[in-house]
PDB file of N, CA and C in Angstrom:
ATOM      1  N   MET A   1     -11.862 -33.035 -11.781  1.00  0.00           N
ATOM      2  CA  MET A   1     -13.094 -33.750 -11.126  1.00  0.00           C
ATOM      3  C   MET A   1     -14.635 -32.643 -10.783  1.00  0.00           C
ATOM      4  N   LEU A   2     -15.240 -33.466 -12.072  1.00  0.00           N
ATOM      5  CA  LEU A   2     -16.421 -33.716 -11.762  1.00  0.00           C
ATOM      6  C   LEU A   2     -17.323 -33.203 -10.743  1.00  0.00           C
ATOM      7  N   THR A   3     -18.512 -32.232 -10.188  1.00  0.00           N
ATOM      8  CA  THR A   3     -19.396 -32.766  -9.143  1.00  0.00           C
ATOM      9  C   THR A   3     -20.793 -33.480  -9.222  1.00  0.00           C
ATOM     10  N   GLY A   4     -21.101 -33.802  -8.466  1.00  0.00           N
ATOM     11  CA  GLY A   4     -22.525 -34.087  -8.323  1.00  0.00           C
ATOM     12  C   GLY A   4     -23.475 -33.837  -9.502  1.00  0.00           C
ATOM     13  N   LYS A   5     -23.904 -32.308  -9.137  1.00  0.00           N
ATOM     14  CA  LYS A   5     -24.371 -31.668  -9.967  1.00  0.00           C
ATOM     15  C   LYS A   5     -23.927 -31.960 -11.733  1.00  0.00           C
ATOM     16  N   GLN A   6     -23.058 -31.632 -11.992  1.00  0.00           N
ATOM     17  CA  GLN A   6     -22.265 -31.610 -13.300  1.00  0.00           C
ATOM     18  C   GLN A   6     -22.318 -32.898 -13.715  1.00  0.00           C
ATOM     19  N   LYS A   7     -21.863 -34.078 -12.606  1.00  0.00           N
ATOM     20  CA  LYS A   7     -22.228 -35.928 -13.676  1.00  0.00           C
ATOM     21  C   LYS A   7     -23.414 -35.972 -14.089  1.00  0.00           C
ATOM     22  N   ARG A   8     -24.829 -35.236 -13.312  1.00  0.00           N
ATOM     23  CA  ARG A   8     -26.058 -35.056 -13.081  1.00  0.00           C
ATOM     24  C   ARG A   8     -26.602 -35.426 -14.786  1.00  0.00           C
ATOM     25  N   PHE A   9     -25.999 -33.406 -14.250  1.00  0.00           N
ATOM     26  CA  PHE A   9     -26.682 -32.654 -15.744  1.00  0.00           C
ATOM     27  C   PHE A   9     -25.587 -33.160 -17.133  1.00  0.00           C
ATOM     28  N   LEU A  10     -24.523 -33.848 -16.895  1.00  0.00           N
ATOM     29  CA  LEU A  10     -24.128 -34.590 -18.231  1.00  0.00           C
ATOM     30  C   LEU A  10     -24.988 -35.572 -18.631  1.00  0.00           C
ATOM     31  N   ARG A  11     -25.067 -36.197 -17.448  1.00  0.00           N
ATOM     32  CA  ARG A  11     -26.016 -37.959 -18.185  1.00  0.00           C
ATOM     33  C   ARG A  11     -27.713 -37.288 -18.715  1.00  0.00           C
ATOM     34  N   ALA A  12     -28.166 -36.637 -17.958  1.00  0.00           N
ATOM     35  CA  ALA A  12     -29.230 -36.172 -19.080  1.00  0.00           C
ATOM     36  C   ALA A  12     -28.525 -35.941 -20.222  1.00  0.00           C
ATOM     37  N   GLN A  13     -28.014 -35.501 -20.717  1.00  0.00           N
ATOM     38  CA  GLN A  13     -27.738 -34.454 -21.795  1.00  0.00           C
ATOM     39  C   GLN A  13     -26.843 -35.550 -23.059  1.00  0.00           C
ATOM     40  N   ALA A  14     -26.256 -37.278 -22.103  1.00  0.00           N
ATOM     41  CA  ALA A  14     -26.058 -38.252 -23.082  1.00  0.00           C
ATOM     42  C   ALA A  14     -27.205 -39.483 -22.791  1.00  0.00           C
ATOM     43  N   HIS A  15     -28.513 -38.853 -22.781  1.00  0.00           N
ATOM     44  CA  HIS A  15     -29.133 -40.083 -22.412  1.00  0.00           C
ATOM     45  C   HIS A  15     -29.785 -40.240 -23.709  1.00  0.00           C
ATOM     46  N   HIS A  16     -30.363 -38.926 -25.220  1.00  0.00           N
ATOM     47  CA  HIS A  16     -30.097 -39.345 -26.217  1.00  0.00           C
ATOM     48  C   HIS A  16     -29.880 -40.137 -27.333  1.00  0.00           C
ATOM     49  N   LEU A  17     -27.945 -40.149 -26.586  1.00  0.00           N
ATOM     50  CA  LEU A  17     -26.798 -40.084 -27.374  1.00  0.00           C
ATOM     51  C   LEU A  17     -27.248 -41.941 -27.793  1.00  0.00           C
ATOM     52  N   SER A  18     -26.547 -42.262 -29.032  1.00  0.00           N
ATOM     53  CA  SER A  18     -25.792 -43.795 -29.206  1.00  0.00           C
ATOM     54  C   SER A  18     -24.965 -44.282 -29.373  1.00  0.00           C
ATOM     55  N   PRO A  19     -24.221 -45.382 -28.416  1.00  0.00           N
ATOM     56  CA  PRO A  19     -22.916 -45.896 -28.237  1.00  0.00           C
ATOM     57  C   PRO A  19     -22.434 -45.914 -29.790  1.00  0.00           C
ATOM     58  N   ILE A  20     -21.466 -44.823 -29.574  1.00  0.00           N
ATOM     59  CA  ILE A  20     -20.094 -44.812 -30.868  1.00  0.00           C
ATOM     60  C   ILE A  20     -18.661 -46.130 -31.054  1.00  0.00           C
ATOM     61  N   PHE A  21     -19.370 -46.308 -29.932  1.00  0.00           N
ATOM     62  CA  PHE A  21     -17.665 -47.195 -29.705  1.00  0.00           C
ATOM     63  C   PHE A  21     -18.460 -48.959 -29.576  1.00  0.00           C
ATOM     64  N   GLN A  22     -17.552 -50.396 -29.818  1.00  0.00           N
ATOM     65  CA  GLN A  22     -17.765 -50.954 -28.890  1.00  0.00           C
ATOM     66  C   GLN A  22     -16.869 -51.611 -28.208  1.00  0.00           C
ATOM     67  N   VAL A  23     -16.187 -52.066 -27.025  1.00  0.00           N
ATOM     68  CA  VAL A  23     -15.582 -52.390 -26.679  1.00  0.00           C
ATOM     69  C   VAL A  23     -15.730 -54.574 -27.220  1.00  0.00           C
ATOM     70  N   GLY A  24     -15.163 -55.274 -27.567  1.00  0.00           N
ATOM     71  CA  GLY A  24     -15.346 -56.188 -27.966  1.00  0.00           C
ATOM     72  C   GLY A  24     -14.450 -57.256 -27.091  1.00  0.00           C
ATOM     73  N   LYS A  25     -14.454 -58.164 -27.983  1.00  0.00           N
ATOM     74  CA  LYS A  25     -13.340 -59.785 -27.716  1.00  0.00           C
ATOM     75  C   LYS A  25     -11.987 -59.287 -27.747  1.00  0.00           C
ATOM     76  N   GLY A  26     -11.512 -58.192 -28.035  1.00  0.00           N
ATOM     77  CA  GLY A  26     -10.075 -57.325 -28.180  1.00  0.00           C
ATOM     78  C   GLY A  26      -9.617 -57.092 -26.840  1.00  0.00           C
ATOM     79  N   GLY A  27     -11.318 -56.452 -26.155  1.00  0.00           N
ATOM     80  CA  GLY A  27     -10.979 -55.053 -24.873  1.00  0.00           C
ATOM     81  C   GLY A  27     -10.562 -54.496 -25.297  1.00  0.00           C
ATOM     82  N   VAL A  28      -9.756 -53.434 -24.676  1.00  0.00           N
ATOM     83  CA  VAL A  28      -9.509 -52.080 -25.061  1.00  0.00           C
ATOM     84  C   VAL A  28      -7.857 -52.461 -25.031  1.00  0.00           C
ATOM     85  N   ASN A  29      -7.671 -51.835 -26.757  1.00  0.00           N
ATOM     86  CA  ASN A  29      -6.188 -50.879 -26.610  1.00  0.00           C
ATOM     87  C   ASN A  29      -5.732 -49.779 -27.626  1.00  0.00           C
ATOM     88  N   GLU A  30      -4.269 -49.561 -27.648  1.00  0.00           N
ATOM     89  CA  GLU A  30      -3.962 -48.171 -28.219  1.00  0.00           C
ATOM     90  C   GLU A  30      -4.668 -47.791 -29.258  1.00  0.00           C
ATOM     91  N   ASN A  31      -4.920 -48.238 -30.130  1.00  0.00           N
ATOM     92  CA  ASN A  31      -6.030 -47.754 -31.412  1.00  0.00           C
ATOM     93  C   ASN A  31      -7.410 -47.515 -31.053  1.00  0.00           C
ATOM     94  N   MET A  32      -8.116 -47.769 -30.318  1.00  0.00           N
ATOM     95  CA  MET A  32      -9.191 -47.632 -29.304  1.00  0.00           C
ATOM     96  C   MET A  32      -9.472 -46.037 -28.274  1.00  0.00           C
ATOM     97  N   VAL A  33      -8.165 -46.373 -27.839  1.00  0.00           N
ATOM     98  CA  VAL A  33      -7.790 -44.985 -27.046  1.00  0.00           C
ATOM     99  C   VAL A  33      -7.555 -43.991 -28.433  1.00  0.00           C
ATOM    100  N   LYS A  34      -7.130 -44.114 -28.696  1.00  0.00           N
ATOM    101  CA  LYS A  34      -6.699 -42.955 -30.042  1.00  0.00           C
ATOM    102  C   LYS A  34      -7.717 -42.350 -30.211  1.00  0.00           C
ATOM    103  N   GLN A  35      -8.585 -43.311 -30.677  1.00  0.00           N
ATOM    104  CA  GLN A  35     -10.369 -43.182 -31.539  1.00  0.00           C
ATOM    105  C   GLN A  35     -11.439 -42.499 -30.120  1.00  0.00           C
ATOM    106  N   VAL A  36     -10.536 -42.588 -29.056  1.00  0.00           N
ATOM    107  CA  VAL A  36     -12.055 -42.528 -28.362  1.00  0.00           C
ATOM    108  C   VAL A  36     -11.320 -40.595 -28.004  1.00  0.00           C
ATOM    109  N   GLN A  37     -10.023 -40.865 -27.908  1.00  0.00           N
ATOM    110  CA  GLN A  37      -9.016 -39.219 -27.693  1.00  0.00           C
ATOM    111  C   GLN A  37     -10.482 -38.225 -28.623  1.00  0.00           C
ATOM    112  N   GLU A  38     -10.365 -38.835 -29.707  1.00  0.00           N
ATOM    113  CA  GLU A  38     -10.548 -37.490 -31.061  1.00  0.00           C
ATOM    114  C   GLU A  38     -12.080 -37.400 -31.107  1.00  0.00           C
ATOM    115  N   ALA A  39     -12.932 -38.899 -30.651  1.00  0.00           N
ATOM    116  CA  ALA A  39     -14.438 -38.823 -30.765  1.00  0.00           C
ATOM    117  C   ALA A  39     -15.093 -37.583 -30.007  1.00  0.00           C
ATOM    118  N   LEU A  40     -14.210 -37.576 -28.396  1.00  0.00           N
ATOM    119  CA  LEU A  40     -13.713 -36.780 -27.444  1.00  0.00           C
ATOM    120  C   LEU A  40     -13.925 -35.705 -27.520  1.00  0.00           C
ATOM    121  N   GLU A  41     -13.003 -35.029 -28.509  1.00  0.00           N
ATOM    122  CA  GLU A  41     -12.277 -33.918 -28.687  1.00  0.00           C
ATOM    123  C   GLU A  41     -13.300 -33.121 -29.538  1.00  0.00           C
ATOM    124  N   ALA A  42     -14.236 -33.854 -30.220  1.00  0.00           N
ATOM    125  CA  ALA A  42     -15.370 -33.403 -31.345  1.00  0.00           C
ATOM    126  C   ALA A  42     -16.226 -33.314 -30.836  1.00  0.00           C
ATOM    127  N   ARG A  43     -16.697 -34.244 -29.937  1.00  0.00           N
ATOM    128  CA  ARG A  43     -18.375 -34.288 -28.921  1.00  0.00           C
ATOM    129  C   ARG A  43     -18.021 -33.825 -27.767  1.00  0.00           C
ATOM    130  N   GLU A  44     -17.324 -34.656 -26.976  1.00  0.00           N
ATOM    131  CA  GLU A  44     -16.903 -33.870 -25.512  1.00  0.00           C
ATOM    132  C   GLU A  44     -18.118 -34.937 -25.101  1.00  0.00           C
ATOM    133  N   LEU A  45     -18.843 -35.331 -24.923  1.00  0.00           N
ATOM    134  CA  LEU A  45     -19.568 -36.272 -24.469  1.00  0.00           C
ATOM    135  C   LEU A  45     -20.083 -37.792 -25.492  1.00  0.00           C
ATOM    136  N   LEU A  46     -19.708 -39.175 -24.861  1.00  0.00           N
ATOM    137  CA  LEU A  46     -19.794 -40.120 -26.035  1.00  0.00           C
ATOM    138  C   LEU A  46     -20.329 -41.297 -25.035  1.00  0.00           C
ATOM    139  N   LYS A  47     -20.824 -41.957 -25.573  1.00  0.00           N
ATOM    140  CA  LYS A  47     -21.461 -43.490 -25.161  1.00  0.00           C
ATOM    141  C   LYS A  47     -19.995 -44.856 -25.837  1.00  0.00           C
ATOM    142  N   ILE A  48     -19.813 -45.328 -24.989  1.00  0.00           N
ATOM    143  CA  ILE A  48     -19.703 -46.772 -25.119  1.00  0.00           C
ATOM    144  C   ILE A  48     -20.172 -47.847 -24.605  1.00  0.00           C
ATOM    145  N   SER A  49     -20.514 -48.313 -25.585  1.00  0.00           N
ATOM    146  CA  SER A  49     -21.110 -49.855 -24.820  1.00  0.00           C
ATOM    147  C   SER A  49     -20.003 -51.374 -24.735  1.00  0.00           C
ATOM    148  N   VAL A  50     -20.735 -51.990 -23.934  1.00  0.00           N
ATOM    149  CA  VAL A  50     -19.193 -53.213 -23.894  1.00  0.00           C
ATOM    150  C   VAL A  50     -19.865 -54.393 -23.920  1.00  0.00           C
ATOM    151  N   LEU A  51     -19.583 -55.332 -24.828  1.00  0.00           N
ATOM    152  CA  LEU A  51     -20.230 -56.333 -25.395  1.00  0.00           C
ATOM    153  C   LEU A  51     -19.994 -56.897 -24.579  1.00  0.00           C
ATOM    154  N   LYS A  52     -21.120 -58.538 -24.811  1.00  0.00           N
ATOM    155  CA  LYS A  52     -20.501 -59.688 -23.453  1.00  0.00           C
ATOM    156  C   LYS A  52     -19.591 -61.015 -24.511  1.00  0.00           C
ATOM    157  N   ASN A  53     -19.201 -60.293 -24.961  1.00  0.00           N
ATOM    158  CA  ASN A  53     -18.311 -61.288 -25.554  1.00  0.00           C
ATOM    159  C   ASN A  53     -16.667 -60.659 -24.871  1.00  0.00           C
ATOM    160  N   CYS A  54     -16.807 -59.453 -24.743  1.00  0.00           N
ATOM    161  CA  CYS A  54     -15.602 -58.709 -23.906  1.00  0.00           C
ATOM    162  C   CYS A  54     -15.412 -59.275 -22.796  1.00  0.00           C
ATOM    163  N   GLU A  55     -14.242 -60.078 -22.095  1.00  0.00           N
ATOM    164  CA  GLU A  55     -13.200 -60.440 -21.511  1.00  0.00           C
ATOM    165  C   GLU A  55     -13.271 -59.632 -20.520  1.00  0.00           C
ATOM    166  N   GLU A  56     -12.836 -58.283 -20.502  1.00  0.00           N
ATOM    167  CA  GLU A  56     -12.587 -57.066 -19.357  1.00  0.00           C
ATOM    168  C   GLU A  56     -13.642 -56.990 -18.852  1.00  0.00           C
ATOM    169  N   ASP A  57     -13.666 -57.394 -17.442  1.00  0.00           N
ATOM    170  CA  ASP A  57     -15.661 -56.126 -17.035  1.00  0.00           C
ATOM    171  C   ASP A  57     -15.153 -55.070 -17.077  1.00  0.00           C
ATOM    172  N   LYS A  58     -16.818 -54.274 -17.527  1.00  0.00           N
ATOM    173  CA  LYS A  58     -17.167 -52.912 -17.719  1.00  0.00           C
ATOM    174  C   LYS A  58     -16.298 -52.147 -16.629  1.00  0.00           C
ATOM    175  N   ASP A  59     -16.079 -52.492 -15.455  1.00  0.00           N
ATOM    176  CA  ASP A  59     -15.591 -51.487 -14.795  1.00  0.00           C
ATOM    177  C   ASP A  59     -13.805 -51.430 -15.038  1.00  0.00           C
ATOM    178  N   SER A  60     -13.091 -51.967 -15.737  1.00  0.00           N
ATOM    179  CA  SER A  60     -12.357 -52.238 -16.378  1.00  0.00           C
ATOM    180  C   SER A  60     -12.239 -51.396 -17.581  1.00  0.00           C
ATOM    181  N   VAL A  61     -12.520 -51.750 -18.164  1.00  0.00           N
ATOM    182  CA  VAL A  61     -13.169 -50.854 -19.668  1.00  0.00           C
ATOM    183  C   VAL A  61     -13.050 -49.821 -19.456  1.00  0.00           C
ATOM    184  N   ALA A  62     -14.127 -49.451 -18.492  1.00  0.00           N
ATOM    185  CA  ALA A  62     -14.565 -47.597 -18.330  1.00  0.00           C
ATOM    186  C   ALA A  62     -12.948 -47.120 -17.970  1.00  0.00           C
ATOM    187  N   ALA A  63     -12.599 -47.932 -16.718  1.00  0.00           N
ATOM    188  CA  ALA A  63     -11.178 -47.351 -15.709  1.00  0.00           C
ATOM    189  C   ALA A  63     -10.384 -46.837 -17.099  1.00  0.00           C
ATOM    190  N   ALA A  64      -9.861 -48.067 -17.773  1.00  0.00           N
ATOM    191  CA  ALA A  64      -8.510 -47.866 -18.826  1.00  0.00           C
ATOM    192  C   ALA A  64      -8.983 -46.779 -19.939  1.00  0.00           C
ATOM    193  N   LEU A  65     -10.491 -46.640 -20.839  1.00  0.00           N
ATOM    194  CA  LEU A  65     -10.436 -45.539 -21.553  1.00  0.00           C
ATOM    195  C   LEU A  65     -10.975 -43.909 -20.853  1.00  0.00           C
ATOM    196  N   ALA A  66     -11.269 -44.329 -19.179  1.00  0.00           N
ATOM    197  CA  ALA A  66     -11.150 -43.240 -19.168  1.00  0.00           C
ATOM    198  C   ALA A  66      -9.745 -42.744 -18.835  1.00  0.00           C
ATOM    199  N   GLU A  67      -8.917 -43.338 -18.714  1.00  0.00           N
ATOM    200  CA  GLU A  67      -7.009 -42.975 -17.919  1.00  0.00           C
ATOM    201  C   GLU A  67      -6.828 -42.757 -19.248  1.00  0.00           C
ATOM    202  N   GLY A  68      -7.023 -43.919 -20.015  1.00  0.00           N
ATOM    203  CA  GLY A  68      -6.011 -43.555 -21.545  1.00  0.00           C
ATOM    204  C   GLY A  68      -6.710 -42.240 -22.219  1.00  0.00           C
ATOM    205  N   ALA A  69      -7.808 -42.153 -22.872  1.00  0.00           N
ATOM    206  CA  ALA A  69      -8.651 -40.692 -22.868  1.00  0.00           C
ATOM    207  C   ALA A  69      -8.170 -39.235 -22.129  1.00  0.00           C
ATOM    208  N   HIS A  70      -7.996 -39.284 -20.745  1.00  0.00           N
ATOM    209  CA  HIS A  70      -7.665 -38.614 -19.969  1.00  0.00           C
ATOM    210  C   HIS A  70      -9.191 -37.595 -19.653  1.00  0.00           C
ATOM    211  N   ALA A  71     -10.189 -38.473 -19.829  1.00  0.00           N
ATOM    212  CA  ALA A  71     -11.277 -38.216 -19.611  1.00  0.00           C
ATOM    213  C   ALA A  71     -12.062 -38.154 -18.294  1.00  0.00           C
ATOM    214  N   GLU A  72     -13.366 -38.094 -17.947  1.00  0.00           N
ATOM    215  CA  GLU A  72     -13.968 -38.381 -16.736  1.00  0.00           C
ATOM    216  C   GLU A  72     -15.301 -38.626 -17.022  1.00  0.00           C
ATOM    217  N   LEU A  73     -14.934 -40.154 -16.041  1.00  0.00           N
ATOM    218  CA  LEU A  73     -16.013 -41.282 -16.173  1.00  0.00           C
ATOM    219  C   LEU A  73     -17.093 -40.344 -15.982  1.00  0.00           C
ATOM    220  N   VAL A  74     -18.047 -40.418 -16.303  1.00  0.00           N
ATOM    221  CA  VAL A  74     -19.519 -39.753 -16.101  1.00  0.00           C
ATOM    222  C   VAL A  74     -20.674 -41.233 -14.879  1.00  0.00           C
ATOM    223  N   GLN A  75     -20.744 -41.943 -16.155  1.00  0.00           N
ATOM    224  CA  GLN A  75     -21.725 -43.123 -15.525  1.00  0.00           C
ATOM    225  C   GLN A  75     -21.530 -44.586 -16.180  1.00  0.00           C
ATOM    226  N   ILE A  76     -21.684 -45.422 -15.938  1.00  0.00           N
ATOM    227  CA  ILE A  76     -21.566 -46.953 -15.942  1.00  0.00           C
ATOM    228  C   ILE A  76     -23.052 -47.032 -15.463  1.00  0.00           C
ATOM    229  N   ILE A  77     -23.449 -47.339 -16.806  1.00  0.00           N
ATOM    230  CA  ILE A  77     -25.629 -47.723 -16.747  1.00  0.00           C
ATOM    231  C   ILE A  77     -25.392 -49.117 -18.251  1.00  0.00           C
ATOM    232  N   GLY A  78     -25.710 -50.482 -17.229  1.00  0.00           N
ATOM    233  CA  GLY A  78     -26.003 -51.319 -17.922  1.00  0.00           C
ATOM    234  C   GLY A  78     -24.988 -51.684 -18.595  1.00  0.00           C
ATOM    235  N   ASN A  79     -24.320 -52.219 -19.820  1.00  0.00           N
ATOM    236  CA  ASN A  79     -23.162 -52.701 -20.628  1.00  0.00           C
ATOM    237  C   ASN A  79     -22.835 -50.879 -21.627  1.00  0.00           C
ATOM    238  N   THR A  80     -22.901 -49.614 -21.055  1.00  0.00           N
ATOM    239  CA  THR A  80     -22.898 -48.708 -21.588  1.00  0.00           C
ATOM    240  C   THR A  80     -22.268 -47.997 -21.102  1.00  0.00           C
ATOM    241  N   ILE A  81     -21.306 -46.969 -20.724  1.00  0.00           N
ATOM    242  CA  ILE A  81     -19.908 -46.362 -20.481  1.00  0.00           C
ATOM    243  C   ILE A  81     -20.726 -45.127 -21.026  1.00  0.00           C
ATOM    244  N   VAL A  82     -20.697 -44.021 -20.219  1.00  0.00           N
ATOM    245  CA  VAL A  82     -20.279 -42.623 -20.348  1.00  0.00           C
ATOM    246  C   VAL A  82     -19.071 -41.578 -20.231  1.00  0.00           C
ATOM    247  N   LEU A  83     -18.516 -41.847 -20.521  1.00  0.00           N
ATOM    248  CA  LEU A  83     -17.497 -40.801 -20.699  1.00  0.00           C
ATOM    249  C   LEU A  83     -17.239 -38.637 -21.813  1.00  0.00           C
ATOM    250  N   TYR A  84     -16.693 -38.082 -20.567  1.00  0.00           N
ATOM    251  CA  TYR A  84     -16.888 -37.006 -20.770  1.00  0.00           C
ATOM    252  C   TYR A  84     -15.103 -35.817 -21.079  1.00  0.00           C
ATOM    253  N   LYS A  85     -14.946 -35.271 -21.779  1.00  0.00           N
ATOM    254  CA  LYS A  85     -14.217 -34.729 -22.294  1.00  0.00           C
ATOM    255  C   LYS A  85     -14.154 -33.461 -22.452  1.00  0.00           C
ATOM    256  N   GLU A  86     -13.808 -31.964 -21.871  1.00  0.00           N
ATOM    257  CA  GLU A  86     -13.471 -30.732 -22.020  1.00  0.00           C
ATOM    258  C   GLU A  86     -12.951 -30.925 -24.053  1.00  0.00           C
ATOM    259  N   SER A  87     -13.454 -30.114 -24.943  1.00  0.00           N
ATOM    260  CA  SER A  87     -12.636 -29.574 -26.101  1.00  0.00           C
ATOM    261  C   SER A  87     -12.030 -28.404 -25.802  1.00  0.00           C
ATOM    262  N   LYS A  88     -10.881 -28.632 -25.936  1.00  0.00           N
ATOM    263  CA  LYS A  88      -9.703 -27.605 -26.864  1.00  0.00           C
ATOM    264  C   LYS A  88     -10.918 -26.894 -27.607  1.00  0.00           C
ATOM    265  N   ASN A  89     -10.909 -27.361 -28.729  1.00  0.00           N
ATOM    266  CA  ASN A  89     -11.480 -26.692 -29.927  1.00  0.00           C
ATOM    267  C   ASN A  89     -13.420 -26.149 -30.651  1.00  0.00           C
ATOM    268  N   HIS A  90     -13.514 -27.083 -29.748  1.00  0.00           N
ATOM    269  CA  HIS A  90     -15.425 -27.686 -30.064  1.00  0.00           C
ATOM    270  C   HIS A  90     -15.695 -27.616 -29.120  1.00  0.00           C
ATOM    271  N   LYS A  91     -15.653 -26.651 -27.915  1.00  0.00           N
ATOM    272  CA  LYS A  91     -16.349 -26.774 -26.896  1.00  0.00           C
ATOM    273  C   LYS A  91     -17.804 -26.014 -27.068  1.00  0.00           C
ATOM    274  N   GLU A  92     -18.624 -27.092 -26.201  1.00  0.00           N
ATOM    275  CA  GLU A  92     -19.685 -26.878 -26.645  1.00  0.00           C
ATOM    276  C   GLU A  92     -21.547 -27.160 -24.970  1.00  0.00           C
ATOM    277  N   ILE A  93     -20.613 -27.410 -24.705  1.00  0.00           N
ATOM    278  CA  ILE A  93     -21.652 -28.217 -23.590  1.00  0.00           C
ATOM    279  C   ILE A  93     -20.878 -27.108 -22.347  1.00  0.00           C
ATOM    280  N   VAL A  94     -21.801 -26.338 -22.125  1.00  0.00           N
ATOM    281  CA  VAL A  94     -21.533 -26.070 -20.818  1.00  0.00           C
ATOM    282  C   VAL A  94     -22.162 -26.612 -19.116  1.00  0.00           C
ATOM    283  N   LEU A  95     -20.748 -26.334 -18.314  1.00  0.00           N
ATOM    284  CA  LEU A  95     -20.848 -27.214 -17.348  1.00  0.00           C
ATOM    285  C   LEU A  95     -22.126 -25.696 -16.262  1.00  0.00           C
ATOM    286  N   PRO A  96     -22.575 -26.637 -15.786  1.00  0.00           N
ATOM    287  CA  PRO A  96     -23.409 -25.704 -14.290  1.00  0.00           C
ATOM    288  C   PRO A  96     -22.753 -25.663 -13.399  1.00  0.00           C
TER     289      PRO A  96
END
């Protein structure tokens, strides 16, 4: 579980990132969760945007992705979700 200080640090780190995944009409599926897991292993921190045509609300999308990828939900801002998961092989982010 992340502390408030760690979440603040990760939000600052994520600020300059652009979303690399988009959740659209199909919502969250197994394939997307698998790709998010792989991306988190490589990057540790990533943004996902929820498109207007997504049938699920952004909170349930964020919960499904975080749970499926075993990641921490850092924040939901607008239609953008920020996820963090410590990498096993490519650890770069050092939490305060």
